[in-house]
Amino acid sequence: MILSRFSELLPELYSAFGQTFLMLSISLSIALFIGIPLGFLIFLSDKDLFIKNRFIYIFFGTLANLIRSIPYVILLVSLLPLTLFLTGTTIGPVAASVSLSVAAIPFLARLVESSLREIPEGILEASVSTGASLMLIVRIVLFPEALPGIISGITLTTISLLSYSAMAGIVGGGGIGDLAIRFGYYRYEDDVMFFTVAVLILLVQLIQLTGDRLRRKFDKRS
């Protein structure tokens, strides 16, 4: 009975998985592309050793704090005009990726900045004393030293995006969250709700396990 029920849902599950994967892929890629450099910029602009600039630090730091302080559901709704402008629609996984990306960029940037601040001051001073250019210091000193923390930040961001993508189902974003709401809430089919929750838990465990293994692999202290 249960097997036959879930065999009926397989097309819906397959579609929901695909939509969730698409949302995560788009938003995480944009977060990596913008959030990591933004984290470096916030860190470097706050250090006398590098490019201390109070305007850049305060502007981007405040902007990151402002976006992070907005609950995702409110951010999702408030960005609907921008979503419509960029994607031509406000429903579907691609449209949901706009708000997911906006939420993920400052979140990841702050985690990257925190990882950089854990680098001992002596290492920073020694790298500057060599006379190397800033880009070279970033590439051969800062990035490798902060890499384990950055990987942990990416892992945490991915898990947060998975949670946010479930909320995006409220406004027709699609994905596993949308499936849970349509079947578990509107149709009172609790079995589907529990199944989707179990799938989300399993996905979080897999993401965390993969992130932990990668972090240990690049951590020179372990």
Protein backbone atom coordinates (compact mmCIF):
# COMPACT_ATOMS: atom_id res chain seq x y z
CA MET A 1 0.00 0.00 0.00
CA ILE A 2 2.76 2.39 1.03
CA LEU A 3 4.95 1.40 -1.90
CA SER A 4 2.10 1.89 -4.35
CA ARG A 5 1.37 5.30 -2.82
CA PHE A 6 4.92 6.50 -3.20
CA SER A 7 5.19 5.04 -6.69
CA GLU A 8 2.30 7.39 -7.57
CA LEU A 9 4.27 10.28 -6.13
CA LEU A 10 7.53 9.48 -7.87
CA PRO A 11 7.00 11.98 -10.72
CA GLU A 12 6.22 14.70 -8.17
CA LEU A 13 9.24 13.75 -6.06
CA TYR A 14 11.51 13.66 -9.08
CA SER A 15 10.35 17.12 -10.15
CA ALA A 16 10.67 18.51 -6.60
CA PHE A 17 14.23 17.20 -6.26
CA GLY A 18 15.17 18.71 -9.59
CA GLN A 19 13.73 22.10 -8.63
CA THR A 20 15.49 22.10 -5.26
CA PHE A 21 18.79 21.15 -6.89
CA LEU A 22 18.35 23.93 -9.47
CA MET A 23 17.64 26.54 -6.77
CA LEU A 24 20.65 25.46 -4.72
CA SER A 25 22.95 25.35 -7.75
CA ILE A 26 22.08 28.85 -8.97
CA SER A 27 22.02 30.61 -5.60
CA LEU A 28 25.12 28.89 -4.20
CA SER A 29 27.11 29.62 -7.36
CA ILE A 30 26.20 33.32 -7.16
CA ALA A 31 26.97 33.37 -3.43
CA LEU A 32 30.41 31.84 -4.05
CA PHE A 33 31.16 34.24 -6.89
CA ILE A 34 30.18 37.39 -4.96
CA GLY A 35 30.14 36.44 -1.28
CA ILE A 36 33.73 35.17 -1.00
CA PRO A 37 35.32 38.29 -2.61
CA LEU A 38 33.00 40.46 -0.53
CA GLY A 39 34.18 38.74 2.65
CA PHE A 40 37.82 39.36 1.66
CA LEU A 41 37.03 43.01 0.87
CA ILE A 42 35.38 43.61 4.25
CA PHE A 43 38.34 41.99 6.03
CA LEU A 44 41.08 43.77 4.04
CA SER A 45 39.42 47.18 4.35
CA ASP A 46 39.45 46.85 8.15
CA LYS A 47 43.16 46.05 8.50
CA ASP A 48 45.94 48.62 8.71
CA LEU A 49 48.26 46.03 7.20
CA PHE A 50 46.38 45.95 3.91
CA ILE A 51 43.92 48.48 2.43
CA LYS A 52 42.26 50.00 5.48
CA ASN A 53 39.32 52.08 4.28
CA ARG A 54 36.61 52.98 6.79
CA PHE A 55 34.08 53.94 4.11
CA ILE A 56 34.32 50.59 2.30
CA TYR A 57 34.30 48.66 5.57
CA ILE A 58 31.31 50.50 7.03
CA PHE A 59 29.33 50.55 3.77
CA PHE A 60 29.63 46.86 2.89
CA GLY A 61 29.55 45.76 6.53
CA THR A 62 26.34 47.68 7.16
CA LEU A 63 24.80 46.43 3.91
CA ALA A 64 25.61 42.83 4.85
CA ASN A 65 24.15 43.30 8.33
CA LEU A 66 21.03 44.96 6.91
CA ILE A 67 20.22 42.11 4.53
CA ARG A 68 21.01 39.47 7.13
CA SER A 69 18.67 41.11 9.63
CA ILE A 70 15.65 40.69 7.34
CA PRO A 71 13.77 37.38 7.83
CA TYR A 72 13.94 35.34 4.64
CA VAL A 73 10.17 35.21 4.07
CA ILE A 74 9.98 39.03 4.20
CA LEU A 75 13.05 39.32 1.95
CA LEU A 76 11.44 36.89 -0.49
CA VAL A 77 8.27 38.96 -0.76
CA SER A 78 10.01 42.35 -0.87
CA LEU A 79 12.24 41.21 -3.75
CA LEU A 80 9.35 40.07 -5.96
CA PRO A 81 9.55 43.24 -8.16
CA LEU A 82 13.29 42.64 -8.69
CA THR A 83 12.63 38.96 -9.32
CA LEU A 84 10.00 39.84 -11.95
CA PHE A 85 12.42 42.29 -13.60
CA LEU A 86 15.30 39.80 -13.74
CA THR A 87 13.50 36.57 -14.58
CA GLY A 88 10.16 37.71 -16.04
CA THR A 89 8.22 35.72 -13.46
CA THR A 90 7.81 35.44 -9.69
CA ILE A 91 7.16 31.71 -9.50
CA GLY A 92 9.34 28.69 -10.12
CA PRO A 93 12.83 27.69 -8.96
CA VAL A 94 14.71 30.21 -11.14
CA ALA A 95 12.65 33.09 -9.73
CA ALA A 96 13.19 31.82 -6.18
CA SER A 97 16.94 31.78 -6.82
CA VAL A 98 16.99 35.60 -6.87
CA SER A 99 15.97 36.00 -3.22
CA LEU A 100 18.02 32.96 -2.22
CA SER A 101 21.12 34.53 -3.77
CA VAL A 102 20.51 37.88 -2.09
CA ALA A 103 20.14 36.12 1.26
CA ALA A 104 23.20 33.91 0.78
CA ILE A 105 25.74 36.52 -0.39
CA PRO A 106 26.06 38.54 2.87
CA PHE A 107 25.68 35.40 4.96
CA LEU A 108 28.67 33.75 3.26
CA ALA A 109 30.64 37.01 3.18
CA ARG A 110 30.46 37.35 6.96
CA LEU A 111 31.52 33.72 7.43
CA VAL A 112 34.51 34.25 5.12
CA GLU A 113 35.45 37.39 7.03
CA SER A 114 35.28 35.47 10.33
CA SER A 115 37.56 32.77 8.89
CA LEU A 116 40.10 35.40 7.85
CA ARG A 117 40.06 36.99 11.31
CA GLU A 118 41.12 33.65 12.81
CA ILE A 119 44.47 33.84 11.01
CA PRO A 120 47.18 34.71 13.59
CA GLU A 121 48.38 38.32 13.41
CA GLY A 122 51.98 37.12 13.19
CA ILE A 123 51.30 35.33 9.90
CA LEU A 124 49.68 38.47 8.47
CA GLU A 125 52.60 40.67 9.50
CA ALA A 126 55.15 38.19 8.17
CA SER A 127 53.40 38.00 4.79
CA VAL A 128 53.32 41.81 4.48
CA SER A 129 56.99 42.10 5.48
CA THR A 130 57.99 40.04 2.44
CA GLY A 131 56.97 42.94 0.22
CA ALA A 132 54.66 40.76 -1.88
CA SER A 133 51.71 42.36 -3.63
CA LEU A 134 48.28 42.25 -2.02
CA MET A 135 46.90 39.84 -4.61
CA LEU A 136 49.84 37.49 -4.07
CA ILE A 137 49.35 37.60 -0.29
CA VAL A 138 45.65 36.85 -0.74
CA ARG A 139 46.39 33.94 -3.07
CA ILE A 140 49.28 32.22 -1.26
CA VAL A 141 48.68 33.19 2.39
CA LEU A 142 45.19 34.39 3.27
CA PHE A 143 43.14 32.02 1.14
CA PRO A 144 45.02 28.80 2.08
CA GLU A 145 45.08 29.75 5.79
CA ALA A 146 41.36 30.55 5.85
CA LEU A 147 40.31 27.71 3.52
CA PRO A 148 39.09 25.26 6.24
CA GLY A 149 36.90 28.00 7.71
CA ILE A 150 35.67 29.04 4.28
CA ILE A 151 34.68 25.43 3.55
CA SER A 152 32.75 25.33 6.83
CA GLY A 153 31.07 28.59 5.82
CA ILE A 154 30.10 27.20 2.42
CA THR A 155 28.69 24.10 4.13
CA LEU A 156 26.62 26.22 6.51
CA THR A 157 25.44 28.44 3.66
CA THR A 158 24.36 25.41 1.62
CA ILE A 159 22.35 24.02 4.52
CA SER A 160 20.74 27.43 5.11
CA LEU A 161 19.86 27.69 1.42
CA LEU A 162 18.23 24.26 1.57
CA SER A 163 16.10 25.48 4.46
CA TYR A 164 15.27 28.75 2.68
CA SER A 165 14.38 26.88 -0.53
CA ALA A 166 11.74 24.97 1.43
CA MET A 167 10.25 28.32 2.51
CA ALA A 168 10.27 29.50 -1.09
CA GLY A 169 7.61 26.87 -1.75
CA ILE A 170 5.15 29.14 0.09
CA VAL A 171 5.07 31.51 -2.89
CA GLY A 172 5.32 28.89 -5.61
CA GLY A 173 9.08 28.53 -5.70
CA GLY A 174 8.77 24.81 -6.22
CA GLY A 175 11.04 22.15 -4.74
CA ILE A 176 10.70 19.84 -1.79
CA GLY A 177 9.15 22.54 0.41
CA ASP A 178 6.46 23.19 -2.17
CA LEU A 179 5.70 19.47 -2.30
CA ALA A 180 5.40 19.31 1.48
CA ILE A 181 3.03 22.30 1.58
CA ARG A 182 0.80 21.13 -1.28
CA PHE A 183 0.41 17.55 -0.08
CA GLY A 184 1.09 17.78 3.65
CA TYR A 185 -0.69 21.07 4.45
CA TYR A 186 -3.37 21.66 1.81
CA ARG A 187 -4.33 17.99 1.30
CA TYR A 188 -3.64 16.74 4.85
CA GLU A 189 -1.48 13.90 3.54
CA ASP A 190 0.80 13.54 6.53
CA ASP A 191 2.76 10.67 5.04
CA VAL A 192 4.05 12.93 2.28
CA MET A 193 4.90 15.64 4.81
CA PHE A 194 6.91 13.23 6.96
CA PHE A 195 8.65 11.79 3.92
CA THR A 196 9.75 15.22 2.68
CA VAL A 197 10.97 16.17 6.15
CA ALA A 198 12.97 12.93 6.29
CA VAL A 199 14.47 13.72 2.89
CA LEU A 200 15.47 17.22 4.04
CA ILE A 201 17.11 15.78 7.17
CA LEU A 202 19.01 13.25 5.05
CA LEU A 203 20.19 15.97 2.65
CA VAL A 204 21.43 18.14 5.54
CA GLN A 205 23.37 15.20 6.97
CA LEU A 206 24.97 14.47 3.60
CA ILE A 207 25.93 18.12 3.05
CA GLN A 208 27.40 18.42 6.55
CA LEU A 209 29.31 15.13 6.23
CA THR A 210 30.78 16.17 2.88
CA GLY A 211 31.68 19.63 4.19
CA ASP A 212 33.37 18.19 7.31
CA ARG A 213 35.47 15.80 5.24
CA LEU A 214 36.60 18.56 2.90
CA ARG A 215 37.43 20.85 5.84
CA ARG A 216 39.56 18.18 7.52
CA LYS A 217 41.32 17.48 4.22
CA PHE A 218 42.44 21.11 3.84
CA ASP A 219 43.08 21.80 7.54
CA LYS A 220 46.86 21.79 8.07
CA ARG A 221 46.38 21.72 11.86
CA SER A 222 44.63 18.32 11.86
